[in-house]
PDB file of N, CA and C in Angstrom:
ATOM      1  N   MET A   1       0.607  -1.152   0.371  1.00  0.00           N
ATOM      2  CA  MET A   1      -0.162   0.109   0.068  1.00  0.00           C
ATOM      3  C   MET A   1       1.100   1.105  -0.190  1.00  0.00           C
ATOM      4  N   LEU A   2       2.269   1.355   0.721  1.00  0.00           N
ATOM      5  CA  LEU A   2       2.832   2.329   0.767  1.00  0.00           C
ATOM      6  C   LEU A   2       3.493   2.745  -0.960  1.00  0.00           C
ATOM      7  N   PRO A   3       3.635   1.563  -1.540  1.00  0.00           N
ATOM      8  CA  PRO A   3       4.141   2.222  -2.653  1.00  0.00           C
ATOM      9  C   PRO A   3       3.077   2.931  -3.992  1.00  0.00           C
ATOM     10  N   LYS A   4       1.508   2.958  -3.299  1.00  0.00           N
ATOM     11  CA  LYS A   4       0.665   3.098  -3.876  1.00  0.00           C
ATOM     12  C   LYS A   4       1.313   4.499  -3.102  1.00  0.00           C
ATOM     13  N   TYR A   5       0.792   5.268  -2.222  1.00  0.00           N
ATOM     14  CA  TYR A   5       0.760   6.451  -1.663  1.00  0.00           C
ATOM     15  C   TYR A   5       2.226   6.870  -2.321  1.00  0.00           C
ATOM     16  N   LEU A   6       3.136   6.971  -2.300  1.00  0.00           N
ATOM     17  CA  LEU A   6       4.065   6.852  -2.794  1.00  0.00           C
ATOM     18  C   LEU A   6       4.194   7.924  -4.208  1.00  0.00           C
ATOM     19  N   ALA A   7       3.735   6.416  -4.869  1.00  0.00           N
ATOM     20  CA  ALA A   7       3.785   6.312  -6.463  1.00  0.00           C
ATOM     21  C   ALA A   7       3.193   7.731  -6.915  1.00  0.00           C
ATOM     22  N   GLY A   8       1.203   7.827  -6.728  1.00  0.00           N
ATOM     23  CA  GLY A   8       0.799   8.970  -6.070  1.00  0.00           C
ATOM     24  C   GLY A   8       0.733  10.465  -6.033  1.00  0.00           C
ATOM     25  N   ILE A   9       1.466  10.285  -4.835  1.00  0.00           N
ATOM     26  CA  ILE A   9       2.620  11.232  -4.204  1.00  0.00           C
ATOM     27  C   ILE A   9       3.284  12.556  -5.293  1.00  0.00           C
ATOM     28  N   LEU A  10       4.292  11.755  -5.751  1.00  0.00           N
ATOM     29  CA  LEU A  10       5.846  11.415  -6.440  1.00  0.00           C
ATOM     30  C   LEU A  10       4.590  12.572  -7.387  1.00  0.00           C
ATOM     31  N   ALA A  11       3.681  10.904  -8.479  1.00  0.00           N
ATOM     32  CA  ALA A  11       3.296  11.951 -10.061  1.00  0.00           C
ATOM     33  C   ALA A  11       1.954  13.375 -10.156  1.00  0.00           C
ATOM     34  N   ALA A  12       2.049  13.464  -8.402  1.00  0.00           N
ATOM     35  CA  ALA A  12       1.026  14.989  -7.700  1.00  0.00           C
ATOM     36  C   ALA A  12       1.985  15.603  -8.231  1.00  0.00           C
ATOM     37  N   ALA A  13       2.769  15.574  -7.234  1.00  0.00           N
ATOM     38  CA  ALA A  13       4.205  17.312  -6.920  1.00  0.00           C
ATOM     39  C   ALA A  13       5.282  16.895  -8.364  1.00  0.00           C
ATOM     40  N   LEU A  14       5.097  15.945  -9.216  1.00  0.00           N
ATOM     41  CA  LEU A  14       5.557  15.951 -10.584  1.00  0.00           C
ATOM     42  C   LEU A  14       5.094  16.998 -11.676  1.00  0.00           C
ATOM     43  N   PHE A  15       3.629  16.590 -11.329  1.00  0.00           N
ATOM     44  CA  PHE A  15       2.805  17.693 -12.222  1.00  0.00           C
ATOM     45  C   PHE A  15       2.363  18.979 -11.867  1.00  0.00           C
ATOM     46  N   ILE A  16       2.440  19.079 -11.257  1.00  0.00           N
ATOM     47  CA  ILE A  16       2.388  20.385 -10.242  1.00  0.00           C
ATOM     48  C   ILE A  16       3.546  21.132 -10.997  1.00  0.00           C
ATOM     49  N   ALA A  17       4.879  20.635 -10.750  1.00  0.00           N
ATOM     50  CA  ALA A  17       6.360  21.162 -10.923  1.00  0.00           C
ATOM     51  C   ALA A  17       6.430  21.309 -12.039  1.00  0.00           C
ATOM     52  N   PHE A  18       5.195  20.611 -13.283  1.00  0.00           N
ATOM     53  CA  PHE A  18       5.580  20.726 -14.678  1.00  0.00           C
ATOM     54  C   PHE A  18       5.042  21.834 -15.061  1.00  0.00           C
ATOM     55  N   VAL A  19       3.577  22.211 -14.411  1.00  0.00           N
ATOM     56  CA  VAL A  19       2.481  23.358 -15.051  1.00  0.00           C
ATOM     57  C   VAL A  19       3.145  24.525 -14.700  1.00  0.00           C
ATOM     58  N   ALA A  20       3.314  24.605 -13.276  1.00  0.00           N
ATOM     59  CA  ALA A  20       4.091  25.985 -12.273  1.00  0.00           C
ATOM     60  C   ALA A  20       4.223  27.025 -12.883  1.00  0.00           C
ATOM     61  N   PRO A  21       5.733  26.334 -13.635  1.00  0.00           N
ATOM     62  CA  PRO A  21       6.425  28.089 -14.177  1.00  0.00           C
ATOM     63  C   PRO A  21       5.733  28.163 -15.559  1.00  0.00           C
ATOM     64  N   VAL A  22       4.979  27.541 -16.149  1.00  0.00           N
ATOM     65  CA  VAL A  22       4.027  28.349 -17.392  1.00  0.00           C
ATOM     66  C   VAL A  22       2.558  28.951 -16.962  1.00  0.00           C
ATOM     67  N   VAL A  23       2.319  29.031 -15.827  1.00  0.00           N
ATOM     68  CA  VAL A  23       1.399  29.631 -15.526  1.00  0.00           C
ATOM     69  C   VAL A  23       1.422  30.279 -14.417  1.00  0.00           C
ATOM     70  N   VAL A  24       2.912  30.727 -13.663  1.00  0.00           N
ATOM     71  CA  VAL A  24       3.635  31.896 -13.432  1.00  0.00           C
ATOM     72  C   VAL A  24       4.044  32.704 -14.350  1.00  0.00           C
ATOM     73  N   LYS A  25       5.143  32.220 -15.101  1.00  0.00           N
ATOM     74  CA  LYS A  25       5.330  33.133 -16.117  1.00  0.00           C
ATOM     75  C   LYS A  25       4.553  33.903 -17.124  1.00  0.00           C
ATOM     76  N   LEU A  26       3.411  33.167 -17.668  1.00  0.00           N
ATOM     77  CA  LEU A  26       2.317  33.727 -18.637  1.00  0.00           C
ATOM     78  C   LEU A  26       1.781  34.977 -17.638  1.00  0.00           C
ATOM     79  N   LYS A  27       1.718  34.164 -16.837  1.00  0.00           N
ATOM     80  CA  LYS A  27       0.357  35.127 -15.233  1.00  0.00           C
ATOM     81  C   LYS A  27      -0.719  35.456 -15.975  1.00  0.00           C
ATOM     82  N   ASP A  28      -1.551  34.868 -16.761  1.00  0.00           N
ATOM     83  CA  ASP A  28      -2.601  34.385 -17.300  1.00  0.00           C
ATOM     84  C   ASP A  28      -4.055  34.119 -16.501  1.00  0.00           C
ATOM     85  N   VAL A  29      -5.095  34.851 -15.827  1.00  0.00           N
ATOM     86  CA  VAL A  29      -6.330  34.012 -15.031  1.00  0.00           C
ATOM     87  C   VAL A  29      -6.512  33.275 -15.179  1.00  0.00           C
ATOM     88  N   ALA A  30      -6.982  32.542 -16.670  1.00  0.00           N
ATOM     89  CA  ALA A  30      -7.561  31.989 -16.964  1.00  0.00           C
ATOM     90  C   ALA A  30      -7.122  30.411 -17.418  1.00  0.00           C
ATOM     91  N   LEU A  31      -5.402  30.589 -17.744  1.00  0.00           N
ATOM     92  CA  LEU A  31      -5.140  29.328 -17.504  1.00  0.00           C
ATOM     93  C   LEU A  31      -4.702  29.400 -16.137  1.00  0.00           C
ATOM     94  N   GLY A  32      -4.540  30.126 -15.170  1.00  0.00           N
ATOM     95  CA  GLY A  32      -4.357  29.464 -13.464  1.00  0.00           C
ATOM     96  C   GLY A  32      -5.552  28.661 -13.537  1.00  0.00           C
ATOM     97  N   VAL A  33      -6.661  29.363 -13.801  1.00  0.00           N
ATOM     98  CA  VAL A  33      -7.816  28.711 -13.275  1.00  0.00           C
ATOM     99  C   VAL A  33      -7.575  27.012 -13.929  1.00  0.00           C
ATOM    100  N   VAL A  34      -7.881  27.293 -14.993  1.00  0.00           N
ATOM    101  CA  VAL A  34      -7.461  25.674 -16.441  1.00  0.00           C
ATOM    102  C   VAL A  34      -7.152  24.870 -15.306  1.00  0.00           C
ATOM    103  N   VAL A  35      -5.833  25.399 -15.065  1.00  0.00           N
ATOM    104  CA  VAL A  35      -4.606  24.596 -14.247  1.00  0.00           C
ATOM    105  C   VAL A  35      -5.298  24.145 -13.016  1.00  0.00           C
ATOM    106  N   LEU A  36      -6.216  24.983 -12.038  1.00  0.00           N
ATOM    107  CA  LEU A  36      -6.449  24.145 -11.629  1.00  0.00           C
ATOM    108  C   LEU A  36      -7.468  23.558 -10.942  1.00  0.00           C
ATOM    109  N   ILE A  37      -8.440  24.331 -12.084  1.00  0.00           N
ATOM    110  CA  ILE A  37      -8.955  23.090 -11.761  1.00  0.00           C
ATOM    111  C   ILE A  37      -8.422  21.428 -12.050  1.00  0.00           C
ATOM    112  N   GLY A  38      -7.294  21.559 -12.944  1.00  0.00           N
ATOM    113  CA  GLY A  38      -7.207  20.537 -13.622  1.00  0.00           C
ATOM    114  C   GLY A  38      -6.596  19.689 -12.375  1.00  0.00           C
ATOM    115  N   VAL A  39      -5.220  20.507 -11.536  1.00  0.00           N
ATOM    116  CA  VAL A  39      -4.456  19.749  -9.576  1.00  0.00           C
ATOM    117  C   VAL A  39      -6.010  19.632  -9.560  1.00  0.00           C
ATOM    118  N   ALA A  40      -7.276  19.800  -8.785  1.00  0.00           N
ATOM    119  CA  ALA A  40      -8.218  19.611  -7.902  1.00  0.00           C
ATOM    120  C   ALA A  40      -8.743  18.273  -8.948  1.00  0.00           C
ATOM    121  N   MET A  41      -8.952  17.976  -9.428  1.00  0.00           N
ATOM    122  CA  MET A  41     -10.096  16.822 -10.445  1.00  0.00           C
ATOM    123  C   MET A  41      -8.051  15.483 -10.414  1.00  0.00           C
ATOM    124  N   MET A  42      -7.322  16.007 -10.311  1.00  0.00           N
ATOM    125  CA  MET A  42      -6.220  14.785 -10.532  1.00  0.00           C
ATOM    126  C   MET A  42      -5.774  14.170  -8.663  1.00  0.00           C
ATOM    127  N   LEU A  43      -6.187  15.639  -8.283  1.00  0.00           N
ATOM    128  CA  LEU A  43      -6.257  15.114  -6.763  1.00  0.00           C
ATOM    129  C   LEU A  43      -7.029  14.560  -6.008  1.00  0.00           C
ATOM    130  N   THR A  44      -8.055  14.364  -6.322  1.00  0.00           N
ATOM    131  CA  THR A  44      -9.413  14.238  -6.422  1.00  0.00           C
ATOM    132  C   THR A  44      -9.762  13.309  -7.118  1.00  0.00           C
ATOM    133  N   ASP A  45      -9.493  12.517  -7.610  1.00  0.00           N
ATOM    134  CA  ASP A  45      -9.297  10.843  -8.420  1.00  0.00           C
ATOM    135  C   ASP A  45      -7.725  10.021  -7.918  1.00  0.00           C
ATOM    136  N   LEU A  46      -6.845  11.115  -7.031  1.00  0.00           N
ATOM    137  CA  LEU A  46      -6.013  10.187  -6.534  1.00  0.00           C
ATOM    138  C   LEU A  46      -6.560  10.143  -5.405  1.00  0.00           C
ATOM    139  N   TRP A  47      -7.406  10.724  -4.932  1.00  0.00           N
ATOM    140  CA  TRP A  47      -7.616  10.514  -3.517  1.00  0.00           C
ATOM    141  C   TRP A  47      -8.680   9.443  -3.552  1.00  0.00           C
ATOM    142  N   GLN A  48      -9.899   9.251  -4.444  1.00  0.00           N
ATOM    143  CA  GLN A  48     -10.630   8.057  -5.110  1.00  0.00           C
ATOM    144  C   GLN A  48      -9.861   6.939  -4.949  1.00  0.00           C
ATOM    145  N   SER A  49      -8.365   6.961  -5.756  1.00  0.00           N
ATOM    146  CA  SER A  49      -8.447   5.525  -6.042  1.00  0.00           C
ATOM    147  C   SER A  49      -7.604   5.179  -5.269  1.00  0.00           C
ATOM    148  N   LEU A  50      -6.873   5.887  -3.382  1.00  0.00           N
ATOM    149  CA  LEU A  50      -6.515   5.316  -2.974  1.00  0.00           C
ATOM    150  C   LEU A  50      -7.408   4.789  -1.587  1.00  0.00           C
ATOM    151  N   ARG A  51      -8.250   4.714  -1.703  1.00  0.00           N
ATOM    152  CA  ARG A  51      -9.506   4.803  -0.485  1.00  0.00           C
ATOM    153  C   ARG A  51     -10.016   3.726  -1.482  1.00  0.00           C
ATOM    154  N   SER A  52      -9.584   3.687  -2.412  1.00  0.00           N
ATOM    155  CA  SER A  52     -10.108   2.306  -2.771  1.00  0.00           C
ATOM    156  C   SER A  52      -9.787   1.063  -2.516  1.00  0.00           C
ATOM    157  N   ARG A  53     -10.744  -0.350  -2.242  1.00  0.00           N
ATOM    158  CA  ARG A  53      -9.460  -1.637  -1.252  1.00  0.00           C
ATOM    159  C   ARG A  53      -9.527  -2.257  -2.836  1.00  0.00           C
ATOM    160  N   GLN A  54      -9.138  -2.168  -3.882  1.00  0.00           N
ATOM    161  CA  GLN A  54      -8.640  -2.729  -4.963  1.00  0.00           C
ATOM    162  C   GLN A  54      -7.384  -2.204  -5.412  1.00  0.00           C
ATOM    163  N   ASP A  55      -7.299  -2.980  -5.651  1.00  0.00           N
ATOM    164  CA  ASP A  55      -5.523  -3.499  -5.555  1.00  0.00           C
ATOM    165  C   ASP A  55      -4.898  -3.163  -7.161  1.00  0.00           C
TER     166      ASP A  55
END
C-alpha cells in the first residue's frame, strides 16, 4: 500500500512542478483557473483511488 501512496504523491508533485512555471510566467488568470481545476480533479481522483480497496 505504501508504494501506491508514494507513487501518487510523486505523480502529483511532478505534475504541479511541470505546469507551475508556465502559469507563473504567463500570468494569465484563465490559464491559472484551468490548471487549478485540473489539479483539483487529479487530486480528487488520486484520493478516490487510494481509498478504494482494489489493488
